[in-house]
Amino acid sequence: MKKISIAIDGPAGAGKSTIAKIISKKLKITYIDTGAMYRALTLKLLDNKINLDDINSIKKILTNTTIDFKNNNIYLDGKIVNEQIRTNKVNNNVSKVAKIKEVREELVKKQRQIACNKSVVMDGRDIGTYVLPYATFKFFITASVEERGKRRYKDLIKKEKDITLEKVIEEIKIRDKIDSTRELSPLKMSKDAILIDTTYKTIEETVNEILTYIKEGR
């Protein structure tokens, strides 16, 4: 199979990561969860009690931080942090970190380096517009804010018993606003991307739809 790159963008809770992981397995290509990279850095900043408005301190932490992917696990400074980066505390702060210009520039550089050498499926909020503007295939995955809230709530309630659906939906609305209005590479659909609304679709239906587009486009 020739080297390809697949960009999957969309707002929080749309199912991007789950869909991208399945596609990577079916096509036997590398999956890069760009959102997890920002989450990993956010986790480290929070653990070190760094003020998220202190750009200089964040830049110092970033310089001494290693983020890598192996066997569908994300490693932060050599340790697997799959679960730690999915807490509500990280959810509510990652957009603040992701909008910092210096952070985005450094992590985008790493993402492009990976995509240069192998076939990849990469998900995030600015993959098709900024990270991989020349991706072979581009998809924008979305769903209603209520549906995205329900999905996120189901994940969070297993770990955080005091969370409510209303609170999760409100937090997603806030994240959407931050992501879509940030100065550098805001969340928006690339002009040449294929829009897929997953509000009333299962993961399997969405994956099959994307694979059909890829098969027909080769």
C-alpha atoms as a PDB file:
ATOM      1  CA  MET A   1       0.000   0.000   0.000  1.00  0.00           C
ATOM      2  CA  LYS A   2       1.314   3.438  -0.908  1.00  0.00           C
ATOM      3  CA  LYS A   3       2.030   5.891   1.927  1.00  0.00           C
ATOM      4  CA  ILE A   4      -1.125   7.777   2.907  1.00  0.00           C
ATOM      5  CA  SER A   5      -2.128  10.303   5.543  1.00  0.00           C
ATOM      6  CA  ILE A   6      -5.619  10.547   7.006  1.00  0.00           C
ATOM      7  CA  ALA A   7      -6.686  13.682   8.894  1.00  0.00           C
ATOM      8  CA  ILE A   8      -9.654  13.410  11.261  1.00  0.00           C
ATOM      9  CA  ASP A   9     -10.811  16.653  12.877  1.00  0.00           C
ATOM     10  CA  GLY A  10     -13.767  17.607  15.022  1.00  0.00           C
ATOM     11  CA  PRO A  11     -14.931  18.991  18.385  1.00  0.00           C
ATOM     12  CA  ALA A  12     -14.659  17.356  21.822  1.00  0.00           C
ATOM     13  CA  GLY A  13     -16.677  14.171  22.305  1.00  0.00           C
ATOM     14  CA  ALA A  14     -17.334  13.537  18.610  1.00  0.00           C
ATOM     15  CA  GLY A  15     -15.613  10.143  18.725  1.00  0.00           C
ATOM     16  CA  LYS A  16     -12.491  11.089  16.754  1.00  0.00           C
ATOM     17  CA  SER A  17      -9.995   9.096  18.795  1.00  0.00           C
ATOM     18  CA  THR A  18     -12.065   5.911  18.938  1.00  0.00           C
ATOM     19  CA  ILE A  19     -12.726   6.047  15.194  1.00  0.00           C
ATOM     20  CA  ALA A  20      -9.112   6.851  14.307  1.00  0.00           C
ATOM     21  CA  LYS A  21      -7.810   3.940  16.428  1.00  0.00           C
ATOM     22  CA  ILE A  22     -10.088   1.452  14.687  1.00  0.00           C
ATOM     23  CA  ILE A  23      -9.138   2.761  11.243  1.00  0.00           C
ATOM     24  CA  SER A  24      -5.433   2.510  12.080  1.00  0.00           C
ATOM     25  CA  LYS A  25      -5.868  -1.156  13.025  1.00  0.00           C
ATOM     26  CA  LYS A  26      -7.937  -2.016   9.957  1.00  0.00           C
ATOM     27  CA  LEU A  27      -5.485  -0.304   7.589  1.00  0.00           C
ATOM     28  CA  LYS A  28      -2.416  -1.344   9.646  1.00  0.00           C
ATOM     29  CA  ILE A  29      -1.046   2.189   9.805  1.00  0.00           C
ATOM     30  CA  THR A  30       0.240   4.351  12.676  1.00  0.00           C
ATOM     31  CA  TYR A  31      -2.291   6.203  14.822  1.00  0.00           C
ATOM     32  CA  ILE A  32      -1.274   9.592  16.229  1.00  0.00           C
ATOM     33  CA  ASP A  33      -3.634  11.045  18.855  1.00  0.00           C
ATOM     34  CA  THR A  34      -2.598  14.703  18.754  1.00  0.00           C
ATOM     35  CA  GLY A  35      -5.131  15.622  21.429  1.00  0.00           C
ATOM     36  CA  ALA A  36      -3.466  13.131  23.761  1.00  0.00           C
ATOM     37  CA  MET A  37      -0.169  14.952  23.264  1.00  0.00           C
ATOM     38  CA  TYR A  38      -1.709  18.201  24.513  1.00  0.00           C
ATOM     39  CA  ARG A  39      -3.409  16.297  27.312  1.00  0.00           C
ATOM     40  CA  ALA A  40      -0.112  14.730  28.389  1.00  0.00           C
ATOM     41  CA  LEU A  41       1.560  18.124  28.603  1.00  0.00           C
ATOM     42  CA  THR A  42      -1.450  19.528  30.475  1.00  0.00           C
ATOM     43  CA  LEU A  43      -1.253  16.641  32.946  1.00  0.00           C
ATOM     44  CA  LYS A  44       2.409  17.378  33.613  1.00  0.00           C
ATOM     45  CA  LEU A  45       1.744  21.097  34.089  1.00  0.00           C
ATOM     46  CA  LEU A  46      -1.095  20.418  36.533  1.00  0.00           C
ATOM     47  CA  ASP A  47       0.933  17.819  38.447  1.00  0.00           C
ATOM     48  CA  ASN A  48       3.759  20.347  38.774  1.00  0.00           C
ATOM     49  CA  LYS A  49       1.297  23.078  39.816  1.00  0.00           C
ATOM     50  CA  ILE A  50       2.364  25.350  36.950  1.00  0.00           C
ATOM     51  CA  ASN A  51       0.217  28.437  36.412  1.00  0.00           C
ATOM     52  CA  LEU A  52      -1.305  28.012  32.927  1.00  0.00           C
ATOM     53  CA  ASP A  53      -0.844  31.730  32.297  1.00  0.00           C
ATOM     54  CA  ASP A  54       2.893  31.491  32.986  1.00  0.00           C
ATOM     55  CA  ILE A  55       4.186  31.017  29.432  1.00  0.00           C
ATOM     56  CA  ASN A  56       7.872  31.008  30.392  1.00  0.00           C
ATOM     57  CA  SER A  57       7.426  28.202  32.908  1.00  0.00           C
ATOM     58  CA  ILE A  58       5.360  26.219  30.404  1.00  0.00           C
ATOM     59  CA  LYS A  59       8.084  26.600  27.758  1.00  0.00           C
ATOM     60  CA  LYS A  60      10.686  25.308  30.219  1.00  0.00           C
ATOM     61  CA  ILE A  61       8.544  22.282  31.058  1.00  0.00           C
ATOM     62  CA  LEU A  62       7.928  21.628  27.348  1.00  0.00           C
ATOM     63  CA  THR A  63      11.662  21.662  26.615  1.00  0.00           C
ATOM     64  CA  ASN A  64      12.192  18.889  29.167  1.00  0.00           C
ATOM     65  CA  THR A  65       9.190  16.764  28.204  1.00  0.00           C
ATOM     66  CA  THR A  66       9.139  13.601  26.095  1.00  0.00           C
ATOM     67  CA  ILE A  67       5.855  12.441  24.525  1.00  0.00           C
ATOM     68  CA  ASP A  68       5.734   9.298  22.422  1.00  0.00           C
ATOM     69  CA  PHE A  69       3.361   6.614  21.092  1.00  0.00           C
ATOM     70  CA  LYS A  70       4.011   2.868  21.196  1.00  0.00           C
ATOM     71  CA  ASN A  71       1.490   0.060  20.660  1.00  0.00           C
ATOM     72  CA  ASN A  72      -1.475   2.461  21.003  1.00  0.00           C
ATOM     73  CA  ASN A  73      -0.170   3.731  24.357  1.00  0.00           C
ATOM     74  CA  ILE A  74       0.920   7.298  25.055  1.00  0.00           C
ATOM     75  CA  TYR A  75       4.097   7.767  27.054  1.00  0.00           C
ATOM     76  CA  LEU A  76       4.864  10.897  29.063  1.00  0.00           C
ATOM     77  CA  ASP A  77       8.525  11.011  30.059  1.00  0.00           C
ATOM     78  CA  GLY A  78       8.729   7.236  29.626  1.00  0.00           C
ATOM     79  CA  LYS A  79       5.544   6.353  31.550  1.00  0.00           C
ATOM     80  CA  ILE A  80       2.175   5.230  30.153  1.00  0.00           C
ATOM     81  CA  VAL A  81      -0.499   7.839  30.987  1.00  0.00           C
ATOM     82  CA  ASN A  82      -3.523   6.565  29.011  1.00  0.00           C
ATOM     83  CA  GLU A  83      -5.887   6.883  31.976  1.00  0.00           C
ATOM     84  CA  GLN A  84      -4.386   9.905  33.727  1.00  0.00           C
ATOM     85  CA  ILE A  85      -4.883  12.196  30.711  1.00  0.00           C
ATOM     86  CA  ARG A  86      -8.643  11.440  30.503  1.00  0.00           C
ATOM     87  CA  THR A  87      -9.727  12.927  33.841  1.00  0.00           C
ATOM     88  CA  ASN A  88     -12.138  15.837  33.987  1.00  0.00           C
ATOM     89  CA  LYS A  89      -9.403  18.025  35.473  1.00  0.00           C
ATOM     90  CA  VAL A  90      -7.346  17.584  32.313  1.00  0.00           C
ATOM     91  CA  ASN A  91     -10.475  17.952  30.143  1.00  0.00           C
ATOM     92  CA  ASN A  92     -11.182  21.372  31.623  1.00  0.00           C
ATOM     93  CA  ASN A  93      -7.638  22.717  31.180  1.00  0.00           C
ATOM     94  CA  VAL A  94      -6.288  21.190  27.971  1.00  0.00           C
ATOM     95  CA  SER A  95      -7.834  23.849  25.693  1.00  0.00           C
ATOM     96  CA  LYS A  96      -6.029  26.574  27.655  1.00  0.00           C
ATOM     97  CA  VAL A  97      -2.711  24.818  27.074  1.00  0.00           C
ATOM     98  CA  ALA A  98      -3.465  23.916  23.445  1.00  0.00           C
ATOM     99  CA  LYS A  99      -4.103  27.540  22.459  1.00  0.00           C
ATOM    100  CA  ILE A 100      -0.598  28.639  23.533  1.00  0.00           C
ATOM    101  CA  LYS A 101       1.363  29.437  20.361  1.00  0.00           C
ATOM    102  CA  GLU A 102       4.688  28.032  21.555  1.00  0.00           C
ATOM    103  CA  VAL A 103       3.078  24.771  22.654  1.00  0.00           C
ATOM    104  CA  ARG A 104       1.273  24.260  19.350  1.00  0.00           C
ATOM    105  CA  GLU A 105       4.345  25.053  17.275  1.00  0.00           C
ATOM    106  CA  GLU A 106       6.497  22.522  19.130  1.00  0.00           C
ATOM    107  CA  LEU A 107       3.954  19.703  19.140  1.00  0.00           C
ATOM    108  CA  VAL A 108       2.945  20.282  15.508  1.00  0.00           C
ATOM    109  CA  LYS A 109       6.609  19.980  14.568  1.00  0.00           C
ATOM    110  CA  LYS A 110       6.701  16.546  16.234  1.00  0.00           C
ATOM    111  CA  GLN A 111       3.449  15.479  14.537  1.00  0.00           C
ATOM    112  CA  ARG A 112       4.679  16.430  11.057  1.00  0.00           C
ATOM    113  CA  GLN A 113       7.954  14.588  11.574  1.00  0.00           C
ATOM    114  CA  ILE A 114       6.073  11.376  12.347  1.00  0.00           C
ATOM    115  CA  ALA A 115       3.776  11.746   9.301  1.00  0.00           C
ATOM    116  CA  CYS A 116       6.737  12.358   6.988  1.00  0.00           C
ATOM    117  CA  ASN A 117       8.111   8.859   7.403  1.00  0.00           C
ATOM    118  CA  LYS A 118       5.091   6.555   7.455  1.00  0.00           C
ATOM    119  CA  SER A 119       1.395   6.157   6.725  1.00  0.00           C
ATOM    120  CA  VAL A 120      -0.633   7.709   9.534  1.00  0.00           C
ATOM    121  CA  VAL A 121      -4.121   8.475  10.716  1.00  0.00           C
ATOM    122  CA  MET A 122      -4.063  11.572  12.889  1.00  0.00           C
ATOM    123  CA  ASP A 123      -6.927  13.133  14.810  1.00  0.00           C
ATOM    124  CA  GLY A 124      -7.300  16.517  16.455  1.00  0.00           C
ATOM    125  CA  ARG A 125      -8.832  19.913  15.782  1.00  0.00           C
ATOM    126  CA  ASP A 126      -6.519  21.391  13.158  1.00  0.00           C
ATOM    127  CA  ILE A 127      -5.018  18.402  11.339  1.00  0.00           C
ATOM    128  CA  GLY A 128      -6.551  19.030   7.919  1.00  0.00           C
ATOM    129  CA  THR A 129      -6.211  22.806   8.105  1.00  0.00           C
ATOM    130  CA  TYR A 130      -2.795  23.230   9.737  1.00  0.00           C
ATOM    131  CA  VAL A 131      -0.852  20.121  10.762  1.00  0.00           C
ATOM    132  CA  LEU A 132      -1.318  18.087   7.563  1.00  0.00           C
ATOM    133  CA  PRO A 133      -2.848  20.490   5.005  1.00  0.00           C
ATOM    134  CA  TYR A 134      -1.856  18.093   2.187  1.00  0.00           C
ATOM    135  CA  ALA A 135      -3.274  14.946   3.813  1.00  0.00           C
ATOM    136  CA  THR A 136      -4.436  12.269   1.374  1.00  0.00           C
ATOM    137  CA  PHE A 137      -7.862  12.123   3.043  1.00  0.00           C
ATOM    138  CA  LYS A 138      -9.597  14.609   5.340  1.00  0.00           C
ATOM    139  CA  PHE A 139     -12.670  14.037   7.495  1.00  0.00           C
ATOM    140  CA  PHE A 140     -14.509  16.313   9.921  1.00  0.00           C
ATOM    141  CA  ILE A 141     -16.370  14.287  12.561  1.00  0.00           C
ATOM    142  CA  THR A 142     -19.072  16.012  14.569  1.00  0.00           C
ATOM    143  CA  ALA A 143     -22.275  15.417  16.577  1.00  0.00           C
ATOM    144  CA  SER A 144     -24.772  17.542  18.495  1.00  0.00           C
ATOM    145  CA  VAL A 145     -23.434  19.035  21.733  1.00  0.00           C
ATOM    146  CA  GLU A 146     -26.037  17.039  23.691  1.00  0.00           C
ATOM    147  CA  GLU A 147     -24.895  13.751  22.144  1.00  0.00           C
ATOM    148  CA  ARG A 148     -21.238  14.587  22.706  1.00  0.00           C
ATOM    149  CA  GLY A 149     -22.041  15.455  26.315  1.00  0.00           C
ATOM    150  CA  LYS A 150     -23.767  12.109  26.855  1.00  0.00           C
ATOM    151  CA  ARG A 151     -20.783  10.213  25.444  1.00  0.00           C
ATOM    152  CA  ARG A 152     -18.283  12.093  27.587  1.00  0.00           C
ATOM    153  CA  TYR A 153     -20.507  11.721  30.659  1.00  0.00           C
ATOM    154  CA  LYS A 154     -20.612   7.914  30.252  1.00  0.00           C
ATOM    155  CA  ASP A 155     -16.812   7.841  30.301  1.00  0.00           C
ATOM    156  CA  LEU A 156     -16.382  10.245  33.208  1.00  0.00           C
ATOM    157  CA  ILE A 157     -19.042   8.822  35.538  1.00  0.00           C
ATOM    158  CA  LYS A 158     -16.981   5.628  35.873  1.00  0.00           C
ATOM    159  CA  LYS A 159     -14.161   7.630  37.478  1.00  0.00           C
ATOM    160  CA  GLU A 160     -15.809  10.751  38.911  1.00  0.00           C
ATOM    161  CA  LYS A 161     -19.081  10.052  40.733  1.00  0.00           C
ATOM    162  CA  ASP A 162     -19.904  13.700  41.466  1.00  0.00           C
ATOM    163  CA  ILE A 163     -20.086  14.740  37.801  1.00  0.00           C
ATOM    164  CA  THR A 164     -23.444  15.607  36.188  1.00  0.00           C
ATOM    165  CA  LEU A 165     -24.552  15.462  32.556  1.00  0.00           C
ATOM    166  CA  GLU A 166     -25.524  19.135  32.612  1.00  0.00           C
ATOM    167  CA  LYS A 167     -22.067  20.101  33.844  1.00  0.00           C
ATOM    168  CA  VAL A 168     -20.345  18.004  31.174  1.00  0.00           C
ATOM    169  CA  ILE A 169     -22.454  19.566  28.389  1.00  0.00           C
ATOM    170  CA  GLU A 170     -21.674  23.063  29.658  1.00  0.00           C
ATOM    171  CA  GLU A 171     -17.947  22.256  29.818  1.00  0.00           C
ATOM    172  CA  ILE A 172     -18.036  20.969  26.228  1.00  0.00           C
ATOM    173  CA  LYS A 173     -19.692  24.202  25.086  1.00  0.00           C
ATOM    174  CA  ILE A 174     -16.893  26.165  26.764  1.00  0.00           C
ATOM    175  CA  ARG A 175     -14.240  23.975  25.118  1.00  0.00           C
ATOM    176  CA  ASP A 176     -15.895  24.408  21.726  1.00  0.00           C
ATOM    177  CA  LYS A 177     -15.746  28.191  22.102  1.00  0.00           C
ATOM    178  CA  ILE A 178     -12.105  28.197  23.185  1.00  0.00           C
ATOM    179  CA  ASP A 179     -11.074  25.783  20.409  1.00  0.00           C
ATOM    180  CA  SER A 180     -12.932  27.608  17.644  1.00  0.00           C
ATOM    181  CA  THR A 181     -11.841  31.132  18.605  1.00  0.00           C
ATOM    182  CA  ARG A 182      -8.171  30.619  19.506  1.00  0.00           C
ATOM    183  CA  GLU A 183      -5.748  32.762  17.523  1.00  0.00           C
ATOM    184  CA  LEU A 184      -3.515  30.006  16.148  1.00  0.00           C
ATOM    185  CA  SER A 185      -5.105  27.267  13.989  1.00  0.00           C
ATOM    186  CA  PRO A 186      -8.614  27.310  15.456  1.00  0.00           C
ATOM    187  CA  LEU A 187     -11.031  24.395  15.165  1.00  0.00           C
ATOM    188  CA  LYS A 188     -12.717  24.587  11.775  1.00  0.00           C
ATOM    189  CA  MET A 189     -13.539  22.280   8.919  1.00  0.00           C
ATOM    190  CA  SER A 190     -11.060  22.206   6.047  1.00  0.00           C
ATOM    191  CA  LYS A 191     -12.650  23.201   2.715  1.00  0.00           C
ATOM    192  CA  ASP A 192     -11.722  19.850   1.173  1.00  0.00           C
ATOM    193  CA  ALA A 193     -12.776  17.693   4.146  1.00  0.00           C
ATOM    194  CA  ILE A 194     -15.717  15.280   4.178  1.00  0.00           C
ATOM    195  CA  LEU A 195     -18.279  16.107   6.882  1.00  0.00           C
ATOM    196  CA  ILE A 196     -19.628  13.169   8.897  1.00  0.00           C
ATOM    197  CA  ASP A 197     -22.286  13.746  11.572  1.00  0.00           C
ATOM    198  CA  THR A 198     -22.212  10.868  14.072  1.00  0.00           C
ATOM    199  CA  THR A 199     -25.171  11.999  16.209  1.00  0.00           C
ATOM    200  CA  TYR A 200     -27.324   9.062  15.097  1.00  0.00           C
ATOM    201  CA  LYS A 201     -24.554   6.719  13.940  1.00  0.00           C
ATOM    202  CA  THR A 202     -22.721   3.915  15.694  1.00  0.00           C
ATOM    203  CA  ILE A 203     -18.936   3.768  15.757  1.00  0.00           C
ATOM    204  CA  GLU A 204     -19.054   0.840  13.319  1.00  0.00           C
ATOM    205  CA  GLU A 205     -21.253   2.750  10.858  1.00  0.00           C
ATOM    206  CA  THR A 206     -18.948   5.752  10.968  1.00  0.00           C
ATOM    207  CA  VAL A 207     -15.804   3.661  10.499  1.00  0.00           C
ATOM    208  CA  ASN A 208     -17.327   1.818   7.531  1.00  0.00           C
ATOM    209  CA  GLU A 209     -18.352   5.127   5.942  1.00  0.00           C
ATOM    210  CA  ILE A 210     -14.822   6.503   6.237  1.00  0.00           C
ATOM    211  CA  LEU A 211     -13.226   3.286   4.940  1.00  0.00           C
ATOM    212  CA  THR A 212     -15.551   3.381   1.927  1.00  0.00           C
ATOM    213  CA  TYR A 213     -14.398   6.907   1.072  1.00  0.00           C
ATOM    214  CA  ILE A 214     -10.747   5.833   1.423  1.00  0.00           C
ATOM    215  CA  LYS A 215     -11.234   2.722  -0.697  1.00  0.00           C
ATOM    216  CA  GLU A 216     -12.976   4.705  -3.448  1.00  0.00           C
ATOM    217  CA  GLY A 217     -10.382   7.485  -3.302  1.00  0.00           C
ATOM    218  CA  ARG A 218      -7.280   5.377  -3.757  1.00  0.00           C
END
